[in-house]
């Protein structure tokens, strides 16, 4: 089934190359502004492994055409030059002779049919390889997108927690300055604040890593 330039097969969305402007690859884009299906489409069009499989299909199609041409006659031209005395009655006129011929195999023991069958089998394997490569890339995009989404949601939750701990730390510090709170309360508030900051740093690294993977798979500049 197809909708516009997007083709659906085996549960994987594939877009024709014309569906994407090459300028999109160079323009930075936030992951949040891209749909998962759009990222999958970019990946299955731009990833080198998929491009290589498409090249294999083109090669297999050329091999089929070449194998079929083996059934047709092969033309040939032969030029011969005679070296003889000008008075030789056997060579009068032009001293060059051209021989045109057609070579047609009468029986090859099934070699020609086998060649076509082999080429068609290679095409089937190549087509299967494209589908397999596209599905593999699609699954990798889904995995990376899921990793980014999970890290992004955790980052937002931790950021709210950080805001709360910063306010709490400020309150405890003012209470200590006013002689209402002791040092242990301040140390506890500071420890929770630092712990939250450390968790955010870890989550930020995971988010950046997922975005990097998505950028490599889709050949696009993606940001958080």
C-alpha atoms as a PDB file:
ATOM      1  CA  UNK A   1       0.000   0.000   0.000  1.00  0.00           C
ATOM      2  CA  UNK A   2       1.204   3.510  -0.694  1.00  0.00           C
ATOM      3  CA  UNK A   3       0.260   6.974   0.489  1.00  0.00           C
ATOM      4  CA  UNK A   4       1.985   9.727  -1.455  1.00  0.00           C
ATOM      5  CA  UNK A   5       5.644   8.800  -1.625  1.00  0.00           C
ATOM      6  CA  UNK A   6       5.564   6.595   1.467  1.00  0.00           C
ATOM      7  CA  UNK A   7       5.373   2.856   0.912  1.00  0.00           C
ATOM      8  CA  UNK A   8       4.363   0.356   3.593  1.00  0.00           C
ATOM      9  CA  UNK A   9       5.669  -3.200   3.432  1.00  0.00           C
ATOM     10  CA  UNK A  10       6.131  -5.947   5.978  1.00  0.00           C
ATOM     11  CA  UNK A  11       5.092  -3.549   8.692  1.00  0.00           C
ATOM     12  CA  UNK A  12       7.932  -1.124   7.902  1.00  0.00           C
ATOM     13  CA  UNK A  13       7.416   2.342   6.455  1.00  0.00           C
ATOM     14  CA  UNK A  14       9.668   3.129   3.518  1.00  0.00           C
ATOM     15  CA  UNK A  15       9.825   6.418   1.676  1.00  0.00           C
ATOM     16  CA  UNK A  16      10.933   6.952  -1.880  1.00  0.00           C
ATOM     17  CA  UNK A  17      14.074   9.116  -2.149  1.00  0.00           C
ATOM     18  CA  UNK A  18      12.025  11.955  -3.701  1.00  0.00           C
ATOM     19  CA  UNK A  19       9.988  12.235  -0.498  1.00  0.00           C
ATOM     20  CA  UNK A  20      12.844  13.926   1.346  1.00  0.00           C
ATOM     21  CA  UNK A  21      14.623  17.145   0.630  1.00  0.00           C
ATOM     22  CA  UNK A  22      18.391  16.725   0.922  1.00  0.00           C
ATOM     23  CA  UNK A  23      18.529  20.033   2.802  1.00  0.00           C
ATOM     24  CA  UNK A  24      16.771  18.355   5.748  1.00  0.00           C
ATOM     25  CA  UNK A  25      19.874  16.301   6.456  1.00  0.00           C
ATOM     26  CA  UNK A  26      21.969  19.431   7.018  1.00  0.00           C
ATOM     27  CA  UNK A  27      19.408  21.474   8.964  1.00  0.00           C
ATOM     28  CA  UNK A  28      19.423  20.835  12.734  1.00  0.00           C
ATOM     29  CA  UNK A  29      16.120  19.520  13.992  1.00  0.00           C
ATOM     30  CA  UNK A  30      14.865  18.700  17.478  1.00  0.00           C
ATOM     31  CA  UNK A  31      13.940  15.071  18.007  1.00  0.00           C
ATOM     32  CA  UNK A  32      10.739  16.268  19.660  1.00  0.00           C
ATOM     33  CA  UNK A  33       9.669  17.875  16.370  1.00  0.00           C
ATOM     34  CA  UNK A  34      10.032  14.615  14.419  1.00  0.00           C
ATOM     35  CA  UNK A  35       7.567  11.742  14.407  1.00  0.00           C
ATOM     36  CA  UNK A  36       8.834   8.211  14.886  1.00  0.00           C
ATOM     37  CA  UNK A  37       7.529   7.211  11.444  1.00  0.00           C
ATOM     38  CA  UNK A  38       9.343  10.177   9.891  1.00  0.00           C
ATOM     39  CA  UNK A  39      12.632   9.148  11.492  1.00  0.00           C
ATOM     40  CA  UNK A  40      12.147   5.578  10.265  1.00  0.00           C
ATOM     41  CA  UNK A  41      11.491   6.830   6.744  1.00  0.00           C
ATOM     42  CA  UNK A  42      14.665   8.929   6.797  1.00  0.00           C
ATOM     43  CA  UNK A  43      16.709   5.999   8.069  1.00  0.00           C
ATOM     44  CA  UNK A  44      15.531   3.432   5.510  1.00  0.00           C
ATOM     45  CA  UNK A  45      16.215   5.907   2.685  1.00  0.00           C
ATOM     46  CA  UNK A  46      19.588   7.259   3.811  1.00  0.00           C
ATOM     47  CA  UNK A  47      21.313   4.421   5.665  1.00  0.00           C
ATOM     48  CA  UNK A  48      24.366   3.055   3.772  1.00  0.00           C
ATOM     49  CA  UNK A  49      23.401  -0.597   4.325  1.00  0.00           C
ATOM     50  CA  UNK A  50      20.027  -0.058   2.641  1.00  0.00           C
ATOM     51  CA  UNK A  51      21.595   1.915  -0.207  1.00  0.00           C
ATOM     52  CA  UNK A  52      24.070  -0.938  -0.750  1.00  0.00           C
ATOM     53  CA  UNK A  53      21.214  -3.449  -0.932  1.00  0.00           C
ATOM     54  CA  UNK A  54      19.438  -1.325  -3.542  1.00  0.00           C
ATOM     55  CA  UNK A  55      22.652  -1.261  -5.568  1.00  0.00           C
ATOM     56  CA  UNK A  56      22.722  -5.053  -5.317  1.00  0.00           C
ATOM     57  CA  UNK A  57      19.193  -5.161  -6.778  1.00  0.00           C
ATOM     58  CA  UNK A  58      20.251  -2.990  -9.714  1.00  0.00           C
ATOM     59  CA  UNK A  59      23.207  -5.281 -10.333  1.00  0.00           C
ATOM     60  CA  UNK A  60      20.978  -8.376 -10.214  1.00  0.00           C
ATOM     61  CA  UNK A  61      18.528  -6.816 -12.682  1.00  0.00           C
ATOM     62  CA  UNK A  62      21.401  -6.066 -15.046  1.00  0.00           C
ATOM     63  CA  UNK A  63      22.572  -9.673 -14.746  1.00  0.00           C
ATOM     64  CA  UNK A  64      19.103 -10.891 -15.757  1.00  0.00           C
ATOM     65  CA  UNK A  65      19.136  -8.704 -18.861  1.00  0.00           C
ATOM     66  CA  UNK A  66      22.635  -9.904 -19.713  1.00  0.00           C
ATOM     67  CA  UNK A  67      21.625 -13.559 -19.259  1.00  0.00           C
ATOM     68  CA  UNK A  68      18.608 -13.122 -21.553  1.00  0.00           C
ATOM     69  CA  UNK A  69      20.735 -11.527 -24.243  1.00  0.00           C
ATOM     70  CA  UNK A  70      22.754 -14.736 -24.427  1.00  0.00           C
ATOM     71  CA  UNK A  71      19.825 -16.302 -26.337  1.00  0.00           C
ATOM     72  CA  UNK A  72      20.220 -13.833 -29.226  1.00  0.00           C
ATOM     73  CA  UNK A  73      22.746 -14.129 -32.065  1.00  0.00           C
ATOM     74  CA  UNK A  74      26.087 -12.460 -31.563  1.00  0.00           C
ATOM     75  CA  UNK A  75      27.206 -10.329 -34.521  1.00  0.00           C
ATOM     76  CA  UNK A  76      30.840 -10.318 -35.580  1.00  0.00           C
ATOM     77  CA  UNK A  77      32.959  -8.467 -38.150  1.00  0.00           C
ATOM     78  CA  UNK A  78      36.322  -9.673 -39.441  1.00  0.00           C
ATOM     79  CA  UNK A  79      38.713  -7.601 -41.526  1.00  0.00           C
ATOM     80  CA  UNK A  80      41.399  -9.323 -43.567  1.00  0.00           C
ATOM     81  CA  UNK A  81      44.116  -7.755 -45.734  1.00  0.00           C
ATOM     82  CA  UNK A  82      45.609  -9.661 -48.642  1.00  0.00           C
ATOM     83  CA  UNK A  83      49.261  -9.161 -49.492  1.00  0.00           C
ATOM     84  CA  UNK A  84      49.781 -10.110 -53.122  1.00  0.00           C
ATOM     85  CA  UNK A  85      51.341  -8.822 -56.323  1.00  0.00           C
ATOM     86  CA  UNK A  86      49.215  -6.346 -58.218  1.00  0.00           C
ATOM     87  CA  UNK A  87      49.350  -8.610 -61.295  1.00  0.00           C
ATOM     88  CA  UNK A  88      48.095 -11.657 -59.394  1.00  0.00           C
ATOM     89  CA  UNK A  89      44.777 -12.588 -61.068  1.00  0.00           C
ATOM     90  CA  UNK A  90      43.528 -14.096 -57.785  1.00  0.00           C
ATOM     91  CA  UNK A  91      43.404 -10.689 -56.079  1.00  0.00           C
ATOM     92  CA  UNK A  92      41.730  -8.119 -58.308  1.00  0.00           C
ATOM     93  CA  UNK A  93      40.348  -4.859 -56.886  1.00  0.00           C
ATOM     94  CA  UNK A  94      40.351  -4.132 -53.156  1.00  0.00           C
ATOM     95  CA  UNK A  95      43.022  -5.919 -51.116  1.00  0.00           C
ATOM     96  CA  UNK A  96      40.824  -5.846 -47.976  1.00  0.00           C
ATOM     97  CA  UNK A  97      37.939  -8.205 -47.272  1.00  0.00           C
ATOM     98  CA  UNK A  98      35.220  -7.950 -44.617  1.00  0.00           C
ATOM     99  CA  UNK A  99      33.418 -10.925 -43.205  1.00  0.00           C
ATOM    100  CA  UNK A 100      30.111 -10.368 -41.366  1.00  0.00           C
ATOM    101  CA  UNK A 101      28.723 -13.160 -39.268  1.00  0.00           C
ATOM    102  CA  UNK A 102      26.110 -14.111 -36.677  1.00  0.00           C
ATOM    103  CA  UNK A 103      26.857 -16.713 -34.043  1.00  0.00           C
ATOM    104  CA  UNK A 104      23.758 -18.450 -32.705  1.00  0.00           C
ATOM    105  CA  UNK A 105      24.056 -21.237 -30.125  1.00  0.00           C
ATOM    106  CA  UNK A 106      21.938 -24.206 -31.169  1.00  0.00           C
ATOM    107  CA  UNK A 107      22.305 -26.265 -28.025  1.00  0.00           C
ATOM    108  CA  UNK A 108      24.059 -25.389 -24.788  1.00  0.00           C
ATOM    109  CA  UNK A 109      22.849 -28.165 -22.526  1.00  0.00           C
ATOM    110  CA  UNK A 110      20.621 -25.803 -20.547  1.00  0.00           C
ATOM    111  CA  UNK A 111      23.452 -23.428 -19.716  1.00  0.00           C
ATOM    112  CA  UNK A 112      21.589 -20.324 -20.942  1.00  0.00           C
ATOM    113  CA  UNK A 113      18.372 -21.146 -19.100  1.00  0.00           C
ATOM    114  CA  UNK A 114      20.383 -21.903 -15.988  1.00  0.00           C
ATOM    115  CA  UNK A 115      22.080 -18.517 -16.294  1.00  0.00           C
ATOM    116  CA  UNK A 116      18.728 -16.728 -16.388  1.00  0.00           C
ATOM    117  CA  UNK A 117      17.414 -18.794 -13.464  1.00  0.00           C
ATOM    118  CA  UNK A 118      20.528 -17.997 -11.422  1.00  0.00           C
ATOM    119  CA  UNK A 119      20.217 -14.288 -12.147  1.00  0.00           C
ATOM    120  CA  UNK A 120      16.546 -14.296 -11.124  1.00  0.00           C
ATOM    121  CA  UNK A 121      17.406 -16.139  -7.916  1.00  0.00           C
ATOM    122  CA  UNK A 122      20.041 -13.506  -7.142  1.00  0.00           C
ATOM    123  CA  UNK A 123      17.400 -10.803  -7.652  1.00  0.00           C
ATOM    124  CA  UNK A 124      15.050 -12.502  -5.188  1.00  0.00           C
ATOM    125  CA  UNK A 125      17.857 -12.723  -2.633  1.00  0.00           C
ATOM    126  CA  UNK A 126      18.691  -9.053  -3.186  1.00  0.00           C
ATOM    127  CA  UNK A 127      15.052  -8.011  -2.740  1.00  0.00           C
ATOM    128  CA  UNK A 128      14.856 -10.054   0.440  1.00  0.00           C
ATOM    129  CA  UNK A 129      18.072  -8.438   1.638  1.00  0.00           C
ATOM    130  CA  UNK A 130      16.587  -4.956   1.173  1.00  0.00           C
ATOM    131  CA  UNK A 131      13.548  -5.825   3.260  1.00  0.00           C
ATOM    132  CA  UNK A 132      15.702  -7.363   5.959  1.00  0.00           C
ATOM    133  CA  UNK A 133      18.052  -4.364   6.062  1.00  0.00           C
ATOM    134  CA  UNK A 134      15.176  -1.905   6.215  1.00  0.00           C
ATOM    135  CA  UNK A 135      13.486  -3.797   9.038  1.00  0.00           C
ATOM    136  CA  UNK A 136      16.762  -3.993  10.971  1.00  0.00           C
ATOM    137  CA  UNK A 137      17.323  -0.253  10.582  1.00  0.00           C
ATOM    138  CA  UNK A 138      13.699   0.472  11.519  1.00  0.00           C
ATOM    139  CA  UNK A 139      13.995  -1.589  14.707  1.00  0.00           C
ATOM    140  CA  UNK A 140      17.219   0.217  15.623  1.00  0.00           C
ATOM    141  CA  UNK A 141      15.488   3.582  15.151  1.00  0.00           C
ATOM    142  CA  UNK A 142      12.590   2.448  17.333  1.00  0.00           C
ATOM    143  CA  UNK A 143      15.018   1.297  20.039  1.00  0.00           C
ATOM    144  CA  UNK A 144      16.994   4.552  19.954  1.00  0.00           C
ATOM    145  CA  UNK A 145      13.810   6.621  19.923  1.00  0.00           C
ATOM    146  CA  UNK A 146      12.503   4.697  22.917  1.00  0.00           C
ATOM    147  CA  UNK A 147      15.779   5.253  24.765  1.00  0.00           C
ATOM    148  CA  UNK A 148      15.610   8.980  24.004  1.00  0.00           C
ATOM    149  CA  UNK A 149      11.962   9.276  25.040  1.00  0.00           C
ATOM    150  CA  UNK A 150      12.537   7.448  28.333  1.00  0.00           C
ATOM    151  CA  UNK A 151      15.590   9.592  29.127  1.00  0.00           C
ATOM    152  CA  UNK A 152      13.745  12.765  28.120  1.00  0.00           C
ATOM    153  CA  UNK A 153      10.802  12.028  30.418  1.00  0.00           C
ATOM    154  CA  UNK A 154      13.137  11.151  33.289  1.00  0.00           C
ATOM    155  CA  UNK A 155      15.064  14.362  32.633  1.00  0.00           C
ATOM    156  CA  UNK A 156      11.891  16.442  32.930  1.00  0.00           C
ATOM    157  CA  UNK A 157      10.881  14.671  36.145  1.00  0.00           C
ATOM    158  CA  UNK A 158      14.333  15.126  37.648  1.00  0.00           C
ATOM    159  CA  UNK A 159      14.391  18.777  36.619  1.00  0.00           C
ATOM    160  CA  UNK A 160      11.209  19.346  38.618  1.00  0.00           C
ATOM    161  CA  UNK A 161      12.768  17.471  41.509  1.00  0.00           C
ATOM    162  CA  UNK A 162      15.886  19.645  41.203  1.00  0.00           C
ATOM    163  CA  UNK A 163      13.800  22.825  41.366  1.00  0.00           C
ATOM    164  CA  UNK A 164      12.110  21.502  44.519  1.00  0.00           C
ATOM    165  CA  UNK A 165      15.417  20.569  46.186  1.00  0.00           C
ATOM    166  CA  UNK A 166      16.964  23.940  45.304  1.00  0.00           C
ATOM    167  CA  UNK A 167      14.034  25.715  46.953  1.00  0.00           C
ATOM    168  CA  UNK A 168      14.280  23.411  49.956  1.00  0.00           C
ATOM    169  CA  UNK A 169      18.026  23.965  50.206  1.00  0.00           C
ATOM    170  CA  UNK A 170      17.466  27.725  50.123  1.00  0.00           C
ATOM    171  CA  UNK A 171      14.850  27.480  52.864  1.00  0.00           C
ATOM    172  CA  UNK A 172      17.080  25.345  55.097  1.00  0.00           C
ATOM    173  CA  UNK A 173      19.999  27.713  54.585  1.00  0.00           C
ATOM    174  CA  UNK A 174      17.882  30.721  55.566  1.00  0.00           C
ATOM    175  CA  UNK A 175      16.599  28.840  58.610  1.00  0.00           C
ATOM    176  CA  UNK A 176      20.149  28.012  59.654  1.00  0.00           C
ATOM    177  CA  UNK A 177      21.210  31.615  59.190  1.00  0.00           C
ATOM    178  CA  UNK A 178      18.276  32.558  61.402  1.00  0.00           C
ATOM    179  CA  UNK A 179      19.354  30.030  63.995  1.00  0.00           C
ATOM    180  CA  UNK A 180      16.229  27.911  63.554  1.00  0.00           C
ATOM    181  CA  UNK A 181      17.867  24.924  61.824  1.00  0.00           C
ATOM    182  CA  UNK A 182      21.022  22.998  62.656  1.00  0.00           C
ATOM    183  CA  UNK A 183      23.892  21.942  60.403  1.00  0.00           C
ATOM    184  CA  UNK A 184      22.622  18.411  59.880  1.00  0.00           C
ATOM    185  CA  UNK A 185      19.495  19.681  58.119  1.00  0.00           C
ATOM    186  CA  UNK A 186      21.593  21.752  55.745  1.00  0.00           C
ATOM    187  CA  UNK A 187      23.937  18.819  55.032  1.00  0.00           C
ATOM    188  CA  UNK A 188      20.952  16.578  54.281  1.00  0.00           C
ATOM    189  CA  UNK A 189      19.403  19.153  51.918  1.00  0.00           C
ATOM    190  CA  UNK A 190      22.756  19.704  50.213  1.00  0.00           C
ATOM    191  CA  UNK A 191      23.259  15.939  49.787  1.00  0.00           C
ATOM    192  CA  UNK A 192      19.840  15.442  48.183  1.00  0.00           C
ATOM    193  CA  UNK A 193      20.453  18.412  45.884  1.00  0.00           C
ATOM    194  CA  UNK A 194      23.831  17.064  44.735  1.00  0.00           C
ATOM    195  CA  UNK A 195      22.355  13.578  44.274  1.00  0.00           C
ATOM    196  CA  UNK A 196      19.618  14.961  42.020  1.00  0.00           C
ATOM    197  CA  UNK A 197      22.174  16.901  39.979  1.00  0.00           C
ATOM    198  CA  UNK A 198      24.223  13.709  39.528  1.00  0.00           C
ATOM    199  CA  UNK A 199      21.147  11.796  38.344  1.00  0.00           C
ATOM    200  CA  UNK A 200      20.376  14.549  35.835  1.00  0.00           C
ATOM    201  CA  UNK A 201      23.932  14.343  34.481  1.00  0.00           C
ATOM    202  CA  UNK A 202      23.573  10.589  33.951  1.00  0.00           C
ATOM    203  CA  UNK A 203      20.177  10.941  32.269  1.00  0.00           C
ATOM    204  CA  UNK A 204      21.481  13.789  30.099  1.00  0.00           C
ATOM    205  CA  UNK A 205      24.310  11.542  28.904  1.00  0.00           C
ATOM    206  CA  UNK A 206      21.807   8.787  28.045  1.00  0.00           C
ATOM    207  CA  UNK A 207      19.623  11.272  26.188  1.00  0.00           C
ATOM    208  CA  UNK A 208      22.599  12.617  24.213  1.00  0.00           C
ATOM    209  CA  UNK A 209      23.700   9.078  23.374  1.00  0.00           C
ATOM    210  CA  UNK A 210      20.255   8.158  22.016  1.00  0.00           C
ATOM    211  CA  UNK A 211      20.141  11.335  19.916  1.00  0.00           C
ATOM    212  CA  UNK A 212      23.590  10.548  18.528  1.00  0.00           C
ATOM    213  CA  UNK A 213      22.424   7.084  17.466  1.00  0.00           C
ATOM    214  CA  UNK A 214      19.304   8.533  15.829  1.00  0.00           C
ATOM    215  CA  UNK A 215      21.414  11.094  13.969  1.00  0.00           C
ATOM    216  CA  UNK A 216      23.705   8.386  12.621  1.00  0.00           C
ATOM    217  CA  UNK A 217      20.822   6.138  11.566  1.00  0.00           C
ATOM    218  CA  UNK A 218      18.819   8.880   9.847  1.00  0.00           C
ATOM    219  CA  UNK A 219      21.795  10.875   8.494  1.00  0.00           C
ATOM    220  CA  UNK A 220      20.227  14.001   9.971  1.00  0.00           C
ATOM    221  CA  UNK A 221      21.434  16.575  12.498  1.00  0.00           C
ATOM    222  CA  UNK A 222      19.199  16.015  15.525  1.00  0.00           C
ATOM    223  CA  UNK A 223      19.248  17.881  18.814  1.00  0.00           C
ATOM    224  CA  UNK A 224      17.511  17.509  22.164  1.00  0.00           C
END
